[in-house]
C-alpha cells in the first residue's frame, strides 16, 4: 500500500496503539506541526487498518514496561543494558515501544560482547530506528523506505568490525 504521507500514517498508528482517538491523534499531529497533517476524516479512515493489526503485533507497539521483559522475549539478564539505554533510546521514539526496545536488544546481540563502542552509538540508534520502522511498515503493508536486505547488510557490517 502506498501513502503519500507515510510518516503521518506511522505516527497515527503509534498513537492508536496507545489507545488515542482519531481526534486526539489529529490534535497531537497539529501540535507536532507535521508538514502535511491529514484531516480528521482521513485519520478516521485509517483506524480500521490499525485496529485490524494482530494483537501480537499491537503488543509490540505498546509502551515498554520493564516488569514485562520476559513476556516480550527479552531475558532478565538484559535488564542493565535495556534500562541504561532508555535515555538514549528516547531519541529514537518517546514513549518507547516494546518493538523499539526489542530491536535495540537484538542489535546488541550482534556484538561479540553485547556492547557497541561509544563511537558506534549513533549507528546503533539509527539501526534501531530503521528496523523498528521497517517492522511497522511491514505490518501496515506500507511501501518500505529501506529494505530488509539493505538493513541486514548495514547490521552485518557492524558485526564484522567486532565492535558492533
C-alpha atoms as a PDB file:
ATOM      1  CA  UNK A   1       0.000   0.000   0.000  1.00  0.00           C
ATOM      2  CA  UNK A   2       1.340   3.430  -0.866  1.00  0.00           C
ATOM      3  CA  UNK A   3       0.569   6.530   1.163  1.00  0.00           C
ATOM      4  CA  UNK A   4       1.918   9.941   0.284  1.00  0.00           C
ATOM      5  CA  UNK A   5       2.116  10.836   3.956  1.00  0.00           C
ATOM      6  CA  UNK A   6       3.659   7.654   5.380  1.00  0.00           C
ATOM      7  CA  UNK A   7       5.184   9.492   8.373  1.00  0.00           C
ATOM      8  CA  UNK A   8       1.730  10.651   9.383  1.00  0.00           C
ATOM      9  CA  UNK A   9       0.279   7.140   8.967  1.00  0.00           C
ATOM     10  CA  UNK A  10       3.049   5.658  11.126  1.00  0.00           C
ATOM     11  CA  UNK A  11       2.613   8.347  13.786  1.00  0.00           C
ATOM     12  CA  UNK A  12      -1.157   7.842  13.825  1.00  0.00           C
ATOM     13  CA  UNK A  13      -0.663   4.083  14.130  1.00  0.00           C
ATOM     14  CA  UNK A  14       1.663   4.507  17.122  1.00  0.00           C
ATOM     15  CA  UNK A  15      -0.783   6.827  18.840  1.00  0.00           C
ATOM     16  CA  UNK A  16      -3.647   4.415  18.160  1.00  0.00           C
ATOM     17  CA  UNK A  17      -1.645   1.685  19.887  1.00  0.00           C
ATOM     18  CA  UNK A  18      -1.653   3.980  22.930  1.00  0.00           C
ATOM     19  CA  UNK A  19      -5.465   3.996  22.625  1.00  0.00           C
ATOM     20  CA  UNK A  20      -5.759   7.529  21.257  1.00  0.00           C
ATOM     21  CA  UNK A  21      -8.906   8.500  19.376  1.00  0.00           C
ATOM     22  CA  UNK A  22      -8.826   9.978  15.880  1.00  0.00           C
ATOM     23  CA  UNK A  23      -9.489  13.450  17.348  1.00  0.00           C
ATOM     24  CA  UNK A  24      -6.632  13.061  19.830  1.00  0.00           C
ATOM     25  CA  UNK A  25      -4.309  11.864  17.069  1.00  0.00           C
ATOM     26  CA  UNK A  26      -5.206  14.886  14.935  1.00  0.00           C
ATOM     27  CA  UNK A  27      -4.528  17.250  17.848  1.00  0.00           C
ATOM     28  CA  UNK A  28      -1.151  15.585  18.503  1.00  0.00           C
ATOM     29  CA  UNK A  29      -0.234  15.907  14.828  1.00  0.00           C
ATOM     30  CA  UNK A  30      -1.176  19.579  14.841  1.00  0.00           C
ATOM     31  CA  UNK A  31       0.890  20.100  17.999  1.00  0.00           C
ATOM     32  CA  UNK A  32       3.883  18.416  16.361  1.00  0.00           C
ATOM     33  CA  UNK A  33       3.408  20.520  13.229  1.00  0.00           C
ATOM     34  CA  UNK A  34       3.528  17.739  10.674  1.00  0.00           C
ATOM     35  CA  UNK A  35       4.243  19.031   7.190  1.00  0.00           C
ATOM     36  CA  UNK A  36       1.044  17.554   5.763  1.00  0.00           C
ATOM     37  CA  UNK A  37      -1.412  16.989   8.622  1.00  0.00           C
ATOM     38  CA  UNK A  38      -4.294  14.847   7.357  1.00  0.00           C
ATOM     39  CA  UNK A  39      -7.926  15.649   8.002  1.00  0.00           C
ATOM     40  CA  UNK A  40      -9.930  14.045  10.780  1.00  0.00           C
ATOM     41  CA  UNK A  41     -11.836  12.042   8.156  1.00  0.00           C
ATOM     42  CA  UNK A  42      -8.571  10.663   6.763  1.00  0.00           C
ATOM     43  CA  UNK A  43      -7.337   9.629  10.200  1.00  0.00           C
ATOM     44  CA  UNK A  44     -10.713   8.010  10.897  1.00  0.00           C
ATOM     45  CA  UNK A  45     -10.348   6.054   7.636  1.00  0.00           C
ATOM     46  CA  UNK A  46      -7.003   4.654   8.862  1.00  0.00           C
ATOM     47  CA  UNK A  47      -8.379   3.442  12.224  1.00  0.00           C
ATOM     48  CA  UNK A  48      -9.900   0.177  10.863  1.00  0.00           C
ATOM     49  CA  UNK A  49      -6.499  -0.716   9.338  1.00  0.00           C
ATOM     50  CA  UNK A  50      -4.766  -0.067  12.666  1.00  0.00           C
ATOM     51  CA  UNK A  51      -7.391  -1.970  14.619  1.00  0.00           C
ATOM     52  CA  UNK A  52      -7.081  -4.985  12.283  1.00  0.00           C
ATOM     53  CA  UNK A  53      -3.401  -5.484  13.154  1.00  0.00           C
ATOM     54  CA  UNK A  54      -2.945  -8.806  15.010  1.00  0.00           C
ATOM     55  CA  UNK A  55      -2.846  -8.477  18.801  1.00  0.00           C
ATOM     56  CA  UNK A  56       0.670  -9.935  18.918  1.00  0.00           C
ATOM     57  CA  UNK A  57       1.903  -7.035  16.760  1.00  0.00           C
ATOM     58  CA  UNK A  58      -0.131  -4.443  18.674  1.00  0.00           C
ATOM     59  CA  UNK A  59       1.563  -5.566  21.899  1.00  0.00           C
ATOM     60  CA  UNK A  60       4.944  -4.757  20.341  1.00  0.00           C
ATOM     61  CA  UNK A  61       3.843  -1.178  19.692  1.00  0.00           C
ATOM     62  CA  UNK A  62       2.568  -0.526  23.188  1.00  0.00           C
ATOM     63  CA  UNK A  63       4.668   1.238  25.770  1.00  0.00           C
ATOM     64  CA  UNK A  64       7.625  -0.749  27.105  1.00  0.00           C
ATOM     65  CA  UNK A  65       7.311  -1.899  30.707  1.00  0.00           C
ATOM     66  CA  UNK A  66      10.465  -3.384  32.264  1.00  0.00           C
ATOM     67  CA  UNK A  67       8.325  -5.588  34.504  1.00  0.00           C
ATOM     68  CA  UNK A  68       7.115  -7.490  31.418  1.00  0.00           C
ATOM     69  CA  UNK A  69      10.506  -8.052  29.752  1.00  0.00           C
ATOM     70  CA  UNK A  70      10.204 -11.821  29.910  1.00  0.00           C
ATOM     71  CA  UNK A  71       6.775 -11.685  28.262  1.00  0.00           C
ATOM     72  CA  UNK A  72       8.383  -9.691  25.405  1.00  0.00           C
ATOM     73  CA  UNK A  73      11.002 -12.409  24.920  1.00  0.00           C
ATOM     74  CA  UNK A  74      13.850 -10.386  26.395  1.00  0.00           C
ATOM     75  CA  UNK A  75      15.776 -12.174  29.169  1.00  0.00           C
ATOM     76  CA  UNK A  76      16.156 -10.605  32.597  1.00  0.00           C
ATOM     77  CA  UNK A  77      19.915 -10.730  32.099  1.00  0.00           C
ATOM     78  CA  UNK A  78      19.460  -7.900  29.594  1.00  0.00           C
ATOM     79  CA  UNK A  79      17.997  -5.602  32.284  1.00  0.00           C
ATOM     80  CA  UNK A  80      21.100  -3.486  32.770  1.00  0.00           C
ATOM     81  CA  UNK A  81      21.643  -2.996  29.026  1.00  0.00           C
ATOM     82  CA  UNK A  82      17.999  -2.069  28.469  1.00  0.00           C
ATOM     83  CA  UNK A  83      17.469   0.197  31.481  1.00  0.00           C
ATOM     84  CA  UNK A  84      20.729   2.079  30.998  1.00  0.00           C
ATOM     85  CA  UNK A  85      19.885   2.723  27.334  1.00  0.00           C
ATOM     86  CA  UNK A  86      16.406   4.159  27.886  1.00  0.00           C
ATOM     87  CA  UNK A  87      17.561   7.830  27.913  1.00  0.00           C
ATOM     88  CA  UNK A  88      19.371   7.295  24.586  1.00  0.00           C
ATOM     89  CA  UNK A  89      16.500   5.337  23.072  1.00  0.00           C
ATOM     90  CA  UNK A  90      14.083   8.161  23.819  1.00  0.00           C
ATOM     91  CA  UNK A  91      15.873   9.951  20.947  1.00  0.00           C
ATOM     92  CA  UNK A  92      14.502   7.240  18.659  1.00  0.00           C
ATOM     93  CA  UNK A  93      10.941   7.403  19.969  1.00  0.00           C
ATOM     94  CA  UNK A  94       9.087   8.604  23.011  1.00  0.00           C
ATOM     95  CA  UNK A  95       7.267   6.885  24.590  1.00  0.00           C
ATOM     96  CA  UNK A  96       9.368   3.806  23.965  1.00  0.00           C
ATOM     97  CA  UNK A  97       7.618   0.841  22.436  1.00  0.00           C
ATOM     98  CA  UNK A  98       8.315  -2.813  23.048  1.00  0.00           C
ATOM     99  CA  UNK A  99       9.211  -3.043  19.338  1.00  0.00           C
ATOM    100  CA  UNK A 100      11.929  -0.391  19.638  1.00  0.00           C
ATOM    101  CA  UNK A 101      13.416  -1.954  22.794  1.00  0.00           C
ATOM    102  CA  UNK A 102      13.345  -5.404  21.180  1.00  0.00           C
ATOM    103  CA  UNK A 103      15.221  -4.184  18.121  1.00  0.00           C
ATOM    104  CA  UNK A 104      17.783  -2.432  20.328  1.00  0.00           C
ATOM    105  CA  UNK A 105      18.320  -5.651  22.279  1.00  0.00           C
ATOM    106  CA  UNK A 106      18.630  -7.708  19.070  1.00  0.00           C
ATOM    107  CA  UNK A 107      21.214  -5.305  17.729  1.00  0.00           C
ATOM    108  CA  UNK A 108      23.215  -5.570  20.951  1.00  0.00           C
ATOM    109  CA  UNK A 109      23.464  -9.295  20.237  1.00  0.00           C
ATOM    110  CA  UNK A 110      25.343  -8.543  17.001  1.00  0.00           C
ATOM    111  CA  UNK A 111      28.375  -7.609  19.086  1.00  0.00           C
ATOM    112  CA  UNK A 112      30.523 -10.405  20.459  1.00  0.00           C
ATOM    113  CA  UNK A 113      30.466  -8.917  23.952  1.00  0.00           C
ATOM    114  CA  UNK A 114      26.957  -7.407  23.819  1.00  0.00           C
ATOM    115  CA  UNK A 115      28.208  -3.824  23.667  1.00  0.00           C
ATOM    116  CA  UNK A 116      28.837  -1.249  20.981  1.00  0.00           C
ATOM    117  CA  UNK A 117      31.799   1.117  21.123  1.00  0.00           C
ATOM    118  CA  UNK A 118      30.974   4.717  22.078  1.00  0.00           C
ATOM    119  CA  UNK A 119      31.749   5.876  18.529  1.00  0.00           C
ATOM    120  CA  UNK A 120      29.096   3.468  17.209  1.00  0.00           C
ATOM    121  CA  UNK A 121      26.167   4.536  19.413  1.00  0.00           C
ATOM    122  CA  UNK A 122      24.789   6.860  16.730  1.00  0.00           C
ATOM    123  CA  UNK A 123      24.768   3.979  14.260  1.00  0.00           C
ATOM    124  CA  UNK A 124      23.149   1.698  16.834  1.00  0.00           C
ATOM    125  CA  UNK A 125      20.333   4.208  17.366  1.00  0.00           C
ATOM    126  CA  UNK A 126      19.915   4.717  13.614  1.00  0.00           C
ATOM    127  CA  UNK A 127      19.694   0.958  13.019  1.00  0.00           C
ATOM    128  CA  UNK A 128      17.243   0.589  15.910  1.00  0.00           C
ATOM    129  CA  UNK A 129      15.017   3.280  14.390  1.00  0.00           C
ATOM    130  CA  UNK A 130      15.316   1.795  10.887  1.00  0.00           C
ATOM    131  CA  UNK A 131      14.455  -1.766  11.922  1.00  0.00           C
ATOM    132  CA  UNK A 132      11.595  -0.521  14.097  1.00  0.00           C
ATOM    133  CA  UNK A 133      10.162   1.492  11.203  1.00  0.00           C
ATOM    134  CA  UNK A 134      10.689  -1.370   8.757  1.00  0.00           C
ATOM    135  CA  UNK A 135       8.669  -3.659  11.038  1.00  0.00           C
ATOM    136  CA  UNK A 136       5.806  -1.160  11.264  1.00  0.00           C
ATOM    137  CA  UNK A 137       5.795  -0.589   7.515  1.00  0.00           C
ATOM    138  CA  UNK A 138       5.626  -4.366   7.037  1.00  0.00           C
ATOM    139  CA  UNK A 139       2.668  -4.920   9.361  1.00  0.00           C
ATOM    140  CA  UNK A 140       0.758  -1.969   7.851  1.00  0.00           C
ATOM    141  CA  UNK A 141       1.620  -3.089   4.280  1.00  0.00           C
ATOM    142  CA  UNK A 142       3.302   0.247   3.567  1.00  0.00           C
ATOM    143  CA  UNK A 143       5.977   0.712   0.956  1.00  0.00           C
ATOM    144  CA  UNK A 144       9.378   0.289   2.600  1.00  0.00           C
ATOM    145  CA  UNK A 145      11.740   3.241   2.754  1.00  0.00           C
ATOM    146  CA  UNK A 146      14.680   0.861   3.287  1.00  0.00           C
ATOM    147  CA  UNK A 147      14.509  -2.854   2.506  1.00  0.00           C
ATOM    148  CA  UNK A 148      15.379  -5.664   4.886  1.00  0.00           C
ATOM    149  CA  UNK A 149      18.317  -6.773   2.725  1.00  0.00           C
ATOM    150  CA  UNK A 150      19.878  -3.306   2.967  1.00  0.00           C
ATOM    151  CA  UNK A 151      19.265  -3.193   6.729  1.00  0.00           C
ATOM    152  CA  UNK A 152      20.734  -6.671   7.134  1.00  0.00           C
ATOM    153  CA  UNK A 153      23.844  -5.600   5.196  1.00  0.00           C
ATOM    154  CA  UNK A 154      24.218  -2.492   7.384  1.00  0.00           C
ATOM    155  CA  UNK A 155      23.792  -4.578  10.520  1.00  0.00           C
ATOM    156  CA  UNK A 156      26.246  -7.197   9.315  1.00  0.00           C
ATOM    157  CA  UNK A 157      28.866  -4.565   8.532  1.00  0.00           C
ATOM    158  CA  UNK A 158      28.963  -3.720  12.234  1.00  0.00           C
ATOM    159  CA  UNK A 159      29.242  -7.344  13.328  1.00  0.00           C
ATOM    160  CA  UNK A 160      32.277  -7.738  11.075  1.00  0.00           C
ATOM    161  CA  UNK A 161      34.067  -4.854  12.794  1.00  0.00           C
ATOM    162  CA  UNK A 162      33.942  -6.659  16.164  1.00  0.00           C
ATOM    163  CA  UNK A 163      32.569  -3.714  17.967  1.00  0.00           C
ATOM    164  CA  UNK A 164      29.144  -3.651  16.768  1.00  0.00           C
END
